Amino acid sequence: MELILWRHAEAEIGEPDQGRALTAKGHKQATKMADWLDRSLPNTCKILSSPATRTVQTAEALGRKFKIHPDLAPGCTAEQLLAAANWPDSREPMLIIGHQPTLGQVAALLIAGQMQEWSIRKGGVWWIAQRERGDIRTNYLKAVMSPDLVAR
């Protein structure tokens, strides 16, 4: 199983929170990261997005089919995100486009084994993979990427 966590790109400040759109910088961040992801993601990758405008716009930059999942809305828990991703039982890679602090909490839980407040930068991706050796499953960090590191 591979779980790719993509934090939405930079968004406008304002209310209502669900309707905040990407800024011009946010659109550039999303496009740069989408280019990298499109080259890196397997074709079998399933994609789920929060219903918030900024995450949908981030997902649209990728140009692949995705589903909006209501349980990924701002304020969702790490447990809700992992359930939506069917972690660790899914055999297909899963890309989740979501929000802080939940994405950072999921990364900490899967990598460090405990709930902590880790920060994932706007537009950034954390790629977590799992390997099995006998009866033992271990998670590892396969990649961390941010829009400013992607060459265009």
C-alpha atoms as a PDB file:
ATOM      1  CA  MET A   1       0.000   0.000   0.000  1.00  0.00           C
ATOM      2  CA  GLU A   2       1.106   3.497  -0.783  1.00  0.00           C
ATOM      3  CA  LEU A   3      -0.579   6.585   0.643  1.00  0.00           C
ATOM      4  CA  ILE A   4       0.258   9.928  -0.927  1.00  0.00           C
ATOM      5  CA  LEU A   5      -0.777  12.967   1.109  1.00  0.00           C
ATOM      6  CA  TRP A   6      -1.082  16.215  -0.887  1.00  0.00           C
ATOM      7  CA  ARG A   7      -1.859  19.391   0.995  1.00  0.00           C
ATOM      8  CA  HIS A   8      -3.876  21.910  -0.993  1.00  0.00           C
ATOM      9  CA  ALA A   9      -1.951  24.822  -2.450  1.00  0.00           C
ATOM     10  CA  GLU A  10      -2.070  28.395  -1.147  1.00  0.00           C
ATOM     11  CA  ALA A  11      -5.628  29.683  -0.777  1.00  0.00           C
ATOM     12  CA  GLU A  12      -7.335  32.994  -0.206  1.00  0.00           C
ATOM     13  CA  ILE A  13      -8.080  34.118   3.332  1.00  0.00           C
ATOM     14  CA  GLY A  14     -11.735  34.465   4.199  1.00  0.00           C
ATOM     15  CA  GLU A  15     -15.037  32.858   4.994  1.00  0.00           C
ATOM     16  CA  PRO A  16     -16.715  30.564   4.484  1.00  0.00           C
ATOM     17  CA  ASP A  17     -13.755  28.249   4.903  1.00  0.00           C
ATOM     18  CA  GLN A  18     -15.108  25.584   2.517  1.00  0.00           C
ATOM     19  CA  GLY A  19     -15.376  28.138  -0.302  1.00  0.00           C
ATOM     20  CA  ARG A  20     -11.840  29.544  -0.163  1.00  0.00           C
ATOM     21  CA  ALA A  21     -10.268  29.409  -3.640  1.00  0.00           C
ATOM     22  CA  LEU A  22      -6.619  29.118  -4.629  1.00  0.00           C
ATOM     23  CA  THR A  23      -4.624  32.296  -5.083  1.00  0.00           C
ATOM     24  CA  ALA A  24      -2.609  32.898  -8.269  1.00  0.00           C
ATOM     25  CA  LYS A  25       0.435  31.564  -6.393  1.00  0.00           C
ATOM     26  CA  GLY A  26      -1.651  28.575  -5.289  1.00  0.00           C
ATOM     27  CA  HIS A  27      -2.568  27.726  -8.888  1.00  0.00           C
ATOM     28  CA  LYS A  28       1.146  27.796  -9.805  1.00  0.00           C
ATOM     29  CA  GLN A  29       1.996  25.578  -6.821  1.00  0.00           C
ATOM     30  CA  ALA A  30      -0.739  23.106  -7.739  1.00  0.00           C
ATOM     31  CA  THR A  31       0.353  22.979 -11.377  1.00  0.00           C
ATOM     32  CA  LYS A  32       4.018  22.395 -10.513  1.00  0.00           C
ATOM     33  CA  MET A  33       3.209  19.642  -8.037  1.00  0.00           C
ATOM     34  CA  ALA A  34       0.655  18.095 -10.404  1.00  0.00           C
ATOM     35  CA  ASP A  35       3.329  17.844 -13.117  1.00  0.00           C
ATOM     36  CA  TRP A  36       5.630  15.974 -10.731  1.00  0.00           C
ATOM     37  CA  LEU A  37       2.836  13.730  -9.479  1.00  0.00           C
ATOM     38  CA  ASP A  38       1.628  12.922 -12.985  1.00  0.00           C
ATOM     39  CA  ARG A  39       5.110  11.659 -13.861  1.00  0.00           C
ATOM     40  CA  SER A  40       5.437   9.747 -10.579  1.00  0.00           C
ATOM     41  CA  LEU A  41       2.022   8.257  -9.801  1.00  0.00           C
ATOM     42  CA  PRO A  42       1.118   4.834 -11.119  1.00  0.00           C
ATOM     43  CA  ASN A  43      -1.864   4.703 -13.472  1.00  0.00           C
ATOM     44  CA  THR A  44      -3.742   2.588 -10.920  1.00  0.00           C
ATOM     45  CA  CYS A  45      -3.606   5.324  -8.275  1.00  0.00           C
ATOM     46  CA  LYS A  46      -6.995   6.250  -6.822  1.00  0.00           C
ATOM     47  CA  ILE A  47      -7.523   9.912  -5.959  1.00  0.00           C
ATOM     48  CA  LEU A  48      -9.758  11.356  -3.240  1.00  0.00           C
ATOM     49  CA  SER A  49     -10.227  15.037  -2.453  1.00  0.00           C
ATOM     50  CA  SER A  50     -11.801  17.015   0.333  1.00  0.00           C
ATOM     51  CA  PRO A  51     -14.937  18.852  -0.852  1.00  0.00           C
ATOM     52  CA  ALA A  52     -13.402  22.272  -0.051  1.00  0.00           C
ATOM     53  CA  THR A  53     -12.935  24.505  -3.106  1.00  0.00           C
ATOM     54  CA  ARG A  54      -9.165  24.836  -2.623  1.00  0.00           C
ATOM     55  CA  THR A  55      -8.625  21.065  -2.548  1.00  0.00           C
ATOM     56  CA  VAL A  56     -10.844  20.465  -5.571  1.00  0.00           C
ATOM     57  CA  GLN A  57      -8.894  23.123  -7.501  1.00  0.00           C
ATOM     58  CA  THR A  58      -5.633  21.485  -6.411  1.00  0.00           C
ATOM     59  CA  ALA A  59      -6.923  18.086  -7.582  1.00  0.00           C
ATOM     60  CA  GLU A  60      -8.082  19.518 -10.911  1.00  0.00           C
ATOM     61  CA  ALA A  61      -4.525  20.664 -11.660  1.00  0.00           C
ATOM     62  CA  LEU A  62      -3.536  16.989 -11.902  1.00  0.00           C
ATOM     63  CA  GLY A  63      -5.919  16.355 -14.787  1.00  0.00           C
ATOM     64  CA  ARG A  64      -6.869  12.862 -13.613  1.00  0.00           C
ATOM     65  CA  LYS A  65     -10.197  11.495 -12.450  1.00  0.00           C
ATOM     66  CA  PHE A  66     -10.820  11.965  -8.749  1.00  0.00           C
ATOM     67  CA  LYS A  67     -13.647  11.596  -6.272  1.00  0.00           C
ATOM     68  CA  ILE A  68     -14.744  14.131  -3.699  1.00  0.00           C
ATOM     69  CA  HIS A  69     -15.056  12.457  -0.304  1.00  0.00           C
ATOM     70  CA  PRO A  70     -17.105  14.321   2.353  1.00  0.00           C
ATOM     71  CA  ASP A  71     -15.176  12.682   5.223  1.00  0.00           C
ATOM     72  CA  LEU A  72     -12.018  14.534   4.089  1.00  0.00           C
ATOM     73  CA  ALA A  73     -13.451  18.022   4.738  1.00  0.00           C
ATOM     74  CA  PRO A  74     -11.538  20.474   6.952  1.00  0.00           C
ATOM     75  CA  GLY A  75     -11.597  19.271  10.528  1.00  0.00           C
ATOM     76  CA  CYS A  76     -11.688  15.556   9.670  1.00  0.00           C
ATOM     77  CA  THR A  77      -9.734  13.251  11.939  1.00  0.00           C
ATOM     78  CA  ALA A  78      -6.732  11.131  11.081  1.00  0.00           C
ATOM     79  CA  GLU A  79      -8.921   8.068  11.631  1.00  0.00           C
ATOM     80  CA  GLN A  80     -11.508   9.335   9.120  1.00  0.00           C
ATOM     81  CA  LEU A  81      -8.787   9.966   6.526  1.00  0.00           C
ATOM     82  CA  LEU A  82      -7.281   6.510   6.988  1.00  0.00           C
ATOM     83  CA  ALA A  83     -10.740   4.924   6.743  1.00  0.00           C
ATOM     84  CA  ALA A  84     -11.454   6.824   3.507  1.00  0.00           C
ATOM     85  CA  ALA A  85      -8.111   5.586   2.135  1.00  0.00           C
ATOM     86  CA  ASN A  86      -8.866   2.023   3.299  1.00  0.00           C
ATOM     87  CA  TRP A  87      -5.455   2.001   4.988  1.00  0.00           C
ATOM     88  CA  PRO A  88      -3.723  -0.414   5.293  1.00  0.00           C
ATOM     89  CA  ASP A  89      -5.913  -2.859   3.369  1.00  0.00           C
ATOM     90  CA  SER A  90      -6.061  -1.228  -0.061  1.00  0.00           C
ATOM     91  CA  ARG A  91      -3.725  -2.755  -2.624  1.00  0.00           C
ATOM     92  CA  GLU A  92      -3.954   0.247  -4.950  1.00  0.00           C
ATOM     93  CA  PRO A  93      -1.952   3.434  -4.305  1.00  0.00           C
ATOM     94  CA  MET A  94      -4.143   6.219  -2.886  1.00  0.00           C
ATOM     95  CA  LEU A  95      -3.657   9.974  -3.273  1.00  0.00           C
ATOM     96  CA  ILE A  96      -5.502  12.112  -0.718  1.00  0.00           C
ATOM     97  CA  ILE A  97      -5.810  15.873  -1.251  1.00  0.00           C
ATOM     98  CA  GLY A  98      -6.598  17.456   2.076  1.00  0.00           C
ATOM     99  CA  HIS A  99      -5.825  19.815   4.923  1.00  0.00           C
ATOM    100  CA  GLN A 100      -3.653  20.508   7.895  1.00  0.00           C
ATOM    101  CA  PRO A 101      -3.486  19.516  10.671  1.00  0.00           C
ATOM    102  CA  THR A 102      -4.993  16.172   9.626  1.00  0.00           C
ATOM    103  CA  LEU A 103      -2.426  15.350   6.917  1.00  0.00           C
ATOM    104  CA  GLY A 104       0.455  15.987   9.305  1.00  0.00           C
ATOM    105  CA  GLN A 105      -1.207  13.902  12.007  1.00  0.00           C
ATOM    106  CA  VAL A 106      -1.626  10.995   9.580  1.00  0.00           C
ATOM    107  CA  ALA A 107       2.017  11.262   8.485  1.00  0.00           C
ATOM    108  CA  ALA A 108       3.183  11.254  12.123  1.00  0.00           C
ATOM    109  CA  LEU A 109       0.951   8.331  13.012  1.00  0.00           C
ATOM    110  CA  LEU A 110       2.170   6.213  10.094  1.00  0.00           C
ATOM    111  CA  ILE A 111       5.864   7.145  10.302  1.00  0.00           C
ATOM    112  CA  ALA A 112       6.456   7.730  14.036  1.00  0.00           C
ATOM    113  CA  GLY A 113       3.677   5.481  15.317  1.00  0.00           C
ATOM    114  CA  GLN A 114       2.019   8.159  17.403  1.00  0.00           C
ATOM    115  CA  MET A 115      -0.276  11.122  16.917  1.00  0.00           C
ATOM    116  CA  GLN A 116       1.796  14.291  16.653  1.00  0.00           C
ATOM    117  CA  GLU A 117       1.390  17.678  14.984  1.00  0.00           C
ATOM    118  CA  TRP A 118       3.662  17.485  11.941  1.00  0.00           C
ATOM    119  CA  SER A 119       3.487  20.267   9.385  1.00  0.00           C
ATOM    120  CA  ILE A 120       3.072  19.663   5.667  1.00  0.00           C
ATOM    121  CA  ARG A 121       3.696  22.780   3.581  1.00  0.00           C
ATOM    122  CA  LYS A 122       1.028  24.203   1.292  1.00  0.00           C
ATOM    123  CA  GLY A 123       1.111  22.334  -1.989  1.00  0.00           C
ATOM    124  CA  GLY A 124       3.479  19.741  -0.528  1.00  0.00           C
ATOM    125  CA  VAL A 125       3.365  15.966  -0.914  1.00  0.00           C
ATOM    126  CA  TRP A 126       4.370  13.263   1.545  1.00  0.00           C
ATOM    127  CA  TRP A 127       4.486   9.777  -0.010  1.00  0.00           C
ATOM    128  CA  ILE A 128       4.224   6.971   2.530  1.00  0.00           C
ATOM    129  CA  ALA A 129       4.701   3.353   1.524  1.00  0.00           C
ATOM    130  CA  GLN A 130       4.380   0.083   3.334  1.00  0.00           C
ATOM    131  CA  ARG A 131       6.492  -3.030   3.012  1.00  0.00           C
ATOM    132  CA  GLU A 132       5.796  -6.507   4.289  1.00  0.00           C
ATOM    133  CA  ARG A 133       8.448  -8.924   5.449  1.00  0.00           C
ATOM    134  CA  GLY A 134       6.846 -12.090   6.618  1.00  0.00           C
ATOM    135  CA  ASP A 135       4.116 -11.124   9.070  1.00  0.00           C
ATOM    136  CA  ILE A 136       5.610  -7.708   9.784  1.00  0.00           C
ATOM    137  CA  ARG A 137       4.377  -4.533   8.068  1.00  0.00           C
ATOM    138  CA  THR A 138       6.444  -1.384   8.295  1.00  0.00           C
ATOM    139  CA  ASN A 139       5.771   2.083   6.936  1.00  0.00           C
ATOM    140  CA  TYR A 140       8.436   4.284   5.454  1.00  0.00           C
ATOM    141  CA  LEU A 141       8.671   7.710   3.884  1.00  0.00           C
ATOM    142  CA  LYS A 142       9.203   7.195   0.166  1.00  0.00           C
ATOM    143  CA  ALA A 143       9.290  10.876  -0.851  1.00  0.00           C
ATOM    144  CA  VAL A 144       8.675  14.406   0.349  1.00  0.00           C
ATOM    145  CA  MET A 145       8.267  17.089  -2.284  1.00  0.00           C
ATOM    146  CA  SER A 146       7.253  20.730  -2.281  1.00  0.00           C
ATOM    147  CA  PRO A 147       6.311  22.934  -5.250  1.00  0.00           C
ATOM    148  CA  ASP A 148       9.449  25.065  -4.958  1.00  0.00           C
ATOM    149  CA  LEU A 149      11.626  21.944  -5.510  1.00  0.00           C
ATOM    150  CA  VAL A 150       9.897  20.906  -8.737  1.00  0.00           C
ATOM    151  CA  ALA A 151      11.799  21.967 -11.835  1.00  0.00           C
ATOM    152  CA  ARG A 152       9.713  23.392 -14.658  1.00  0.00           C
END
